[in-house]
Amino acid sequence: MSWSINIGSVAATIVKVHVTFLLLLAWIFGVEYISGGPQEALNSLLFVVLLFLCVLLHEFGHILTARRFGVRTPDALGTVVGPQRRPTGAPKRPWHRPNFRRGR
């Protein structure tokens, strides 16, 4: 995706951060720096980054589960609204799909 920066790779999934997320971090830092000083700005920035990492770990739970059922996920993108993943393909068995209903 354009406007994203590659920050690494975990378990064969490329992790990218969208520029708007970096702008959000800069905005939070600036607002907190003006209202509370440098220590408050760093604390707020650290909080948002740690929260983002927790959500990213949650997304990797989905990614690893998808791999278990044969669905590749080549990348995860961190945006202002949170991390997003792009699975490719579908599960090999129909009952591994989320909308599959047995007995119908």
N, C-alpha and C. Protein backbone atom coordinates (compact mmCIF):
# COMPACT_ATOMS: atom_id res chain seq x y z
N MET A 1 0.84 -1.18 0.00
CA MET A 1 0.00 0.00 0.00
C MET A 1 0.89 1.24 0.00
N SER A 2 0.53 2.21 -0.79
CA SER A 2 1.32 3.43 -0.84
C SER A 2 1.15 4.22 0.47
N TRP A 3 2.07 5.07 0.73
CA TRP A 3 2.09 5.90 1.93
C TRP A 3 2.34 5.09 3.20
N SER A 4 2.96 3.94 3.08
CA SER A 4 3.28 3.14 4.25
C SER A 4 4.78 2.87 4.30
N ILE A 5 5.28 2.67 5.51
CA ILE A 5 6.70 2.46 5.75
C ILE A 5 6.89 1.08 6.34
N ASN A 6 7.76 0.30 5.74
CA ASN A 6 8.06 -1.05 6.22
C ASN A 6 8.91 -0.94 7.50
N ILE A 7 8.42 -1.51 8.61
CA ILE A 7 9.19 -1.44 9.86
C ILE A 7 9.76 -2.79 10.28
N GLY A 8 9.49 -3.82 9.51
CA GLY A 8 10.06 -5.13 9.84
C GLY A 8 9.19 -6.27 9.36
N SER A 9 9.57 -7.46 9.81
CA SER A 9 8.84 -8.67 9.43
C SER A 9 8.79 -9.60 10.63
N VAL A 10 7.62 -10.17 10.86
CA VAL A 10 7.42 -11.12 11.96
C VAL A 10 6.69 -12.32 11.40
N ALA A 11 7.26 -13.50 11.59
CA ALA A 11 6.64 -14.75 11.15
C ALA A 11 6.21 -14.69 9.69
N ALA A 12 7.10 -14.19 8.82
CA ALA A 12 6.88 -14.08 7.37
C ALA A 12 5.74 -13.13 7.01
N THR A 13 5.38 -12.24 7.90
CA THR A 13 4.40 -11.20 7.63
C THR A 13 5.09 -9.85 7.75
N ILE A 14 5.03 -9.08 6.70
CA ILE A 14 5.66 -7.75 6.70
C ILE A 14 4.79 -6.79 7.50
N VAL A 15 5.40 -6.06 8.42
CA VAL A 15 4.69 -5.10 9.25
C VAL A 15 5.00 -3.70 8.71
N LYS A 16 3.95 -2.96 8.37
CA LYS A 16 4.09 -1.61 7.84
C LYS A 16 3.30 -0.64 8.70
N VAL A 17 3.74 0.62 8.68
CA VAL A 17 3.03 1.69 9.38
C VAL A 17 2.66 2.75 8.36
N HIS A 18 1.40 3.15 8.36
CA HIS A 18 0.95 4.18 7.44
C HIS A 18 1.41 5.55 7.94
N VAL A 19 1.68 6.45 7.03
CA VAL A 19 2.17 7.78 7.37
C VAL A 19 1.19 8.52 8.28
N THR A 20 -0.10 8.30 8.11
CA THR A 20 -1.09 8.98 8.96
C THR A 20 -0.95 8.59 10.42
N PHE A 21 -0.52 7.36 10.69
CA PHE A 21 -0.28 6.95 12.08
C PHE A 21 0.90 7.72 12.66
N LEU A 22 1.93 7.91 11.87
CA LEU A 22 3.07 8.70 12.33
C LEU A 22 2.67 10.16 12.57
N LEU A 23 1.79 10.69 11.72
CA LEU A 23 1.28 12.04 11.93
C LEU A 23 0.46 12.13 13.21
N LEU A 24 -0.30 11.09 13.50
CA LEU A 24 -1.05 11.05 14.76
C LEU A 24 -0.11 11.07 15.96
N LEU A 25 0.98 10.31 15.89
CA LEU A 25 1.95 10.31 16.98
C LEU A 25 2.58 11.69 17.15
N ALA A 26 2.90 12.33 16.05
CA ALA A 26 3.47 13.68 16.13
C ALA A 26 2.48 14.66 16.72
N TRP A 27 1.22 14.54 16.33
CA TRP A 27 0.18 15.43 16.87
C TRP A 27 0.01 15.22 18.38
N ILE A 28 -0.05 13.98 18.82
CA ILE A 28 -0.18 13.68 20.24
C ILE A 28 1.01 14.24 21.00
N PHE A 29 2.21 14.03 20.47
CA PHE A 29 3.41 14.54 21.12
C PHE A 29 3.35 16.07 21.24
N GLY A 30 2.97 16.75 20.15
CA GLY A 30 2.91 18.20 20.16
C GLY A 30 1.90 18.76 21.13
N VAL A 31 0.71 18.20 21.14
CA VAL A 31 -0.34 18.67 22.04
C VAL A 31 0.06 18.45 23.49
N GLU A 32 0.58 17.29 23.80
CA GLU A 32 0.99 17.00 25.17
C GLU A 32 2.20 17.82 25.59
N TYR A 33 3.09 18.11 24.66
CA TYR A 33 4.26 18.93 24.97
C TYR A 33 3.82 20.35 25.34
N ILE A 34 2.88 20.89 24.58
CA ILE A 34 2.39 22.25 24.85
C ILE A 34 1.64 22.30 26.17
N SER A 35 0.80 21.31 26.44
CA SER A 35 -0.03 21.37 27.65
C SER A 35 0.66 20.86 28.90
N GLY A 36 1.61 19.92 28.78
CA GLY A 36 2.17 19.33 29.98
C GLY A 36 3.68 19.25 30.04
N GLY A 37 4.37 19.64 28.98
CA GLY A 37 5.82 19.59 28.99
C GLY A 37 6.36 18.33 28.35
N PRO A 38 7.70 18.24 28.30
CA PRO A 38 8.33 17.12 27.59
C PRO A 38 8.07 15.75 28.23
N GLN A 39 8.03 15.68 29.55
CA GLN A 39 7.81 14.38 30.20
C GLN A 39 6.41 13.86 29.92
N GLU A 40 5.43 14.74 29.99
CA GLU A 40 4.05 14.35 29.68
C GLU A 40 3.91 13.91 28.22
N ALA A 41 4.61 14.60 27.33
CA ALA A 41 4.57 14.25 25.91
C ALA A 41 5.17 12.86 25.68
N LEU A 42 6.29 12.57 26.30
CA LEU A 42 6.91 11.25 26.15
C LEU A 42 6.05 10.15 26.76
N ASN A 43 5.44 10.43 27.91
CA ASN A 43 4.56 9.44 28.54
C ASN A 43 3.36 9.12 27.65
N SER A 44 2.75 10.14 27.08
CA SER A 44 1.60 9.93 26.20
C SER A 44 2.00 9.18 24.94
N LEU A 45 3.14 9.54 24.38
CA LEU A 45 3.64 8.86 23.18
C LEU A 45 3.92 7.39 23.47
N LEU A 46 4.55 7.13 24.60
CA LEU A 46 4.83 5.74 24.99
C LEU A 46 3.54 4.95 25.19
N PHE A 47 2.53 5.57 25.80
CA PHE A 47 1.25 4.90 26.01
C PHE A 47 0.61 4.50 24.68
N VAL A 48 0.59 5.44 23.73
CA VAL A 48 -0.05 5.15 22.43
C VAL A 48 0.73 4.07 21.68
N VAL A 49 2.04 4.11 21.72
CA VAL A 49 2.85 3.10 21.03
C VAL A 49 2.63 1.73 21.66
N LEU A 50 2.59 1.66 22.99
CA LEU A 50 2.37 0.37 23.67
C LEU A 50 0.96 -0.16 23.38
N LEU A 51 -0.01 0.73 23.35
CA LEU A 51 -1.38 0.32 23.01
C LEU A 51 -1.43 -0.23 21.59
N PHE A 52 -0.74 0.45 20.67
CA PHE A 52 -0.67 -0.01 19.29
C PHE A 52 -0.01 -1.39 19.21
N LEU A 53 1.06 -1.61 19.97
CA LEU A 53 1.72 -2.92 19.96
C LEU A 53 0.82 -4.02 20.50
N CYS A 54 0.01 -3.70 21.51
CA CYS A 54 -0.94 -4.70 22.03
C CYS A 54 -1.97 -5.08 20.97
N VAL A 55 -2.48 -4.10 20.25
CA VAL A 55 -3.45 -4.39 19.19
C VAL A 55 -2.78 -5.16 18.05
N LEU A 56 -1.54 -4.83 17.76
CA LEU A 56 -0.80 -5.56 16.72
C LEU A 56 -0.59 -7.02 17.13
N LEU A 57 -0.29 -7.26 18.39
CA LEU A 57 -0.17 -8.65 18.87
C LEU A 57 -1.49 -9.39 18.73
N HIS A 58 -2.59 -8.70 19.00
CA HIS A 58 -3.91 -9.30 18.83
C HIS A 58 -4.11 -9.69 17.35
N GLU A 59 -3.73 -8.80 16.45
CA GLU A 59 -3.87 -9.08 15.02
C GLU A 59 -3.01 -10.28 14.61
N PHE A 60 -1.83 -10.42 15.22
CA PHE A 60 -1.00 -11.57 14.90
C PHE A 60 -1.63 -12.87 15.41
N GLY A 61 -2.48 -12.80 16.40
CA GLY A 61 -3.26 -13.97 16.79
C GLY A 61 -4.17 -14.40 15.65
N HIS A 62 -4.81 -13.42 15.00
CA HIS A 62 -5.65 -13.73 13.83
C HIS A 62 -4.80 -14.27 12.69
N ILE A 63 -3.64 -13.66 12.48
CA ILE A 63 -2.77 -14.08 11.38
C ILE A 63 -2.31 -15.52 11.57
N LEU A 64 -1.89 -15.87 12.77
CA LEU A 64 -1.42 -17.23 13.03
C LEU A 64 -2.56 -18.24 12.94
N THR A 65 -3.75 -17.85 13.36
CA THR A 65 -4.91 -18.73 13.23
C THR A 65 -5.25 -18.93 11.75
N ALA A 66 -5.19 -17.87 10.98
CA ALA A 66 -5.46 -17.99 9.54
C ALA A 66 -4.45 -18.93 8.88
N ARG A 67 -3.20 -18.82 9.28
CA ARG A 67 -2.18 -19.72 8.72
C ARG A 67 -2.46 -21.17 9.07
N ARG A 68 -2.97 -21.38 10.25
CA ARG A 68 -3.30 -22.74 10.70
C ARG A 68 -4.32 -23.37 9.76
N PHE A 69 -5.20 -22.54 9.17
CA PHE A 69 -6.22 -23.03 8.26
C PHE A 69 -5.86 -22.81 6.80
N GLY A 70 -4.59 -22.52 6.51
CA GLY A 70 -4.12 -22.44 5.14
C GLY A 70 -4.30 -21.12 4.44
N VAL A 71 -4.54 -20.05 5.19
CA VAL A 71 -4.71 -18.72 4.59
C VAL A 71 -3.45 -17.92 4.84
N ARG A 72 -2.84 -17.42 3.75
CA ARG A 72 -1.63 -16.60 3.90
C ARG A 72 -2.01 -15.16 4.23
N THR A 73 -1.16 -14.51 5.00
CA THR A 73 -1.32 -13.10 5.30
C THR A 73 0.04 -12.44 5.08
N PRO A 74 0.24 -11.85 3.90
CA PRO A 74 1.57 -11.34 3.57
C PRO A 74 1.98 -10.10 4.33
N ASP A 75 1.01 -9.28 4.77
CA ASP A 75 1.41 -8.07 5.48
C ASP A 75 0.34 -7.61 6.46
N ALA A 76 0.79 -6.81 7.42
CA ALA A 76 -0.09 -6.15 8.39
C ALA A 76 0.27 -4.68 8.34
N LEU A 77 -0.75 -3.83 8.32
CA LEU A 77 -0.54 -2.40 8.17
C LEU A 77 -1.09 -1.67 9.37
N GLY A 78 -0.26 -0.86 10.01
CA GLY A 78 -0.71 -0.03 11.12
C GLY A 78 -1.21 1.30 10.61
N THR A 79 -2.48 1.61 10.89
CA THR A 79 -3.08 2.86 10.45
C THR A 79 -3.60 3.62 11.66
N VAL A 80 -4.20 4.76 11.41
CA VAL A 80 -4.76 5.57 12.49
C VAL A 80 -5.88 4.82 13.20
N VAL A 81 -6.63 4.01 12.48
CA VAL A 81 -7.74 3.27 13.08
C VAL A 81 -7.31 1.93 13.66
N GLY A 82 -6.03 1.62 13.59
CA GLY A 82 -5.51 0.38 14.16
C GLY A 82 -4.92 -0.52 13.09
N PRO A 83 -4.25 -1.58 13.51
CA PRO A 83 -3.63 -2.49 12.54
C PRO A 83 -4.67 -3.21 11.69
N GLN A 84 -4.30 -3.45 10.46
CA GLN A 84 -5.16 -4.18 9.54
C GLN A 84 -4.32 -5.24 8.85
N ARG A 85 -4.93 -6.38 8.58
CA ARG A 85 -4.22 -7.45 7.90
C ARG A 85 -4.94 -7.75 6.59
N ARG A 86 -4.20 -8.29 5.62
CA ARG A 86 -4.77 -8.62 4.32
C ARG A 86 -4.59 -10.09 4.05
N PRO A 87 -5.56 -10.91 4.39
CA PRO A 87 -5.42 -12.34 4.08
C PRO A 87 -5.60 -12.58 2.59
N THR A 88 -4.92 -13.61 2.10
CA THR A 88 -5.07 -14.00 0.69
C THR A 88 -5.55 -15.44 0.64
N GLY A 89 -6.53 -15.69 -0.19
CA GLY A 89 -7.07 -17.04 -0.32
C GLY A 89 -8.19 -17.29 0.69
N ALA A 90 -8.60 -18.52 0.72
CA ALA A 90 -9.67 -18.94 1.62
C ALA A 90 -9.24 -20.23 2.30
N PRO A 91 -9.86 -20.55 3.44
CA PRO A 91 -9.52 -21.82 4.08
C PRO A 91 -9.76 -23.01 3.16
N LYS A 92 -8.99 -24.06 3.36
CA LYS A 92 -9.08 -25.24 2.51
C LYS A 92 -10.40 -25.98 2.70
N ARG A 93 -10.90 -26.00 3.91
CA ARG A 93 -12.14 -26.72 4.20
C ARG A 93 -13.26 -25.71 4.47
N PRO A 94 -14.46 -25.95 3.97
CA PRO A 94 -15.54 -24.98 4.14
C PRO A 94 -15.91 -24.71 5.59
N TRP A 95 -15.76 -25.68 6.47
CA TRP A 95 -16.16 -25.48 7.87
C TRP A 95 -15.17 -24.61 8.63
N HIS A 96 -14.05 -24.25 8.00
CA HIS A 96 -13.11 -23.32 8.62
C HIS A 96 -13.44 -21.87 8.29
N ARG A 97 -14.41 -21.67 7.42
CA ARG A 97 -14.82 -20.31 7.08
C ARG A 97 -15.74 -19.78 8.17
N PRO A 98 -15.66 -18.48 8.49
CA PRO A 98 -16.46 -17.93 9.58
C PRO A 98 -17.97 -18.01 9.37
N ASN A 99 -18.45 -17.97 8.12
CA ASN A 99 -19.90 -17.96 7.89
C ASN A 99 -20.45 -19.34 7.52
N PHE A 100 -19.67 -20.40 7.71
CA PHE A 100 -20.11 -21.74 7.36
C PHE A 100 -21.06 -22.25 8.44
N ARG A 101 -22.18 -22.84 8.01
CA ARG A 101 -23.14 -23.44 8.96
C ARG A 101 -23.29 -24.91 8.65
N ARG A 102 -23.04 -25.73 9.63
CA ARG A 102 -23.18 -27.18 9.45
C ARG A 102 -24.64 -27.58 9.56
N GLY A 103 -24.98 -28.64 8.89
CA GLY A 103 -26.31 -29.21 9.02
C GLY A 103 -27.37 -28.51 8.20
N ARG A 104 -27.00 -27.66 7.30
CA ARG A 104 -28.00 -26.98 6.47
C ARG A 104 -27.86 -27.39 5.06
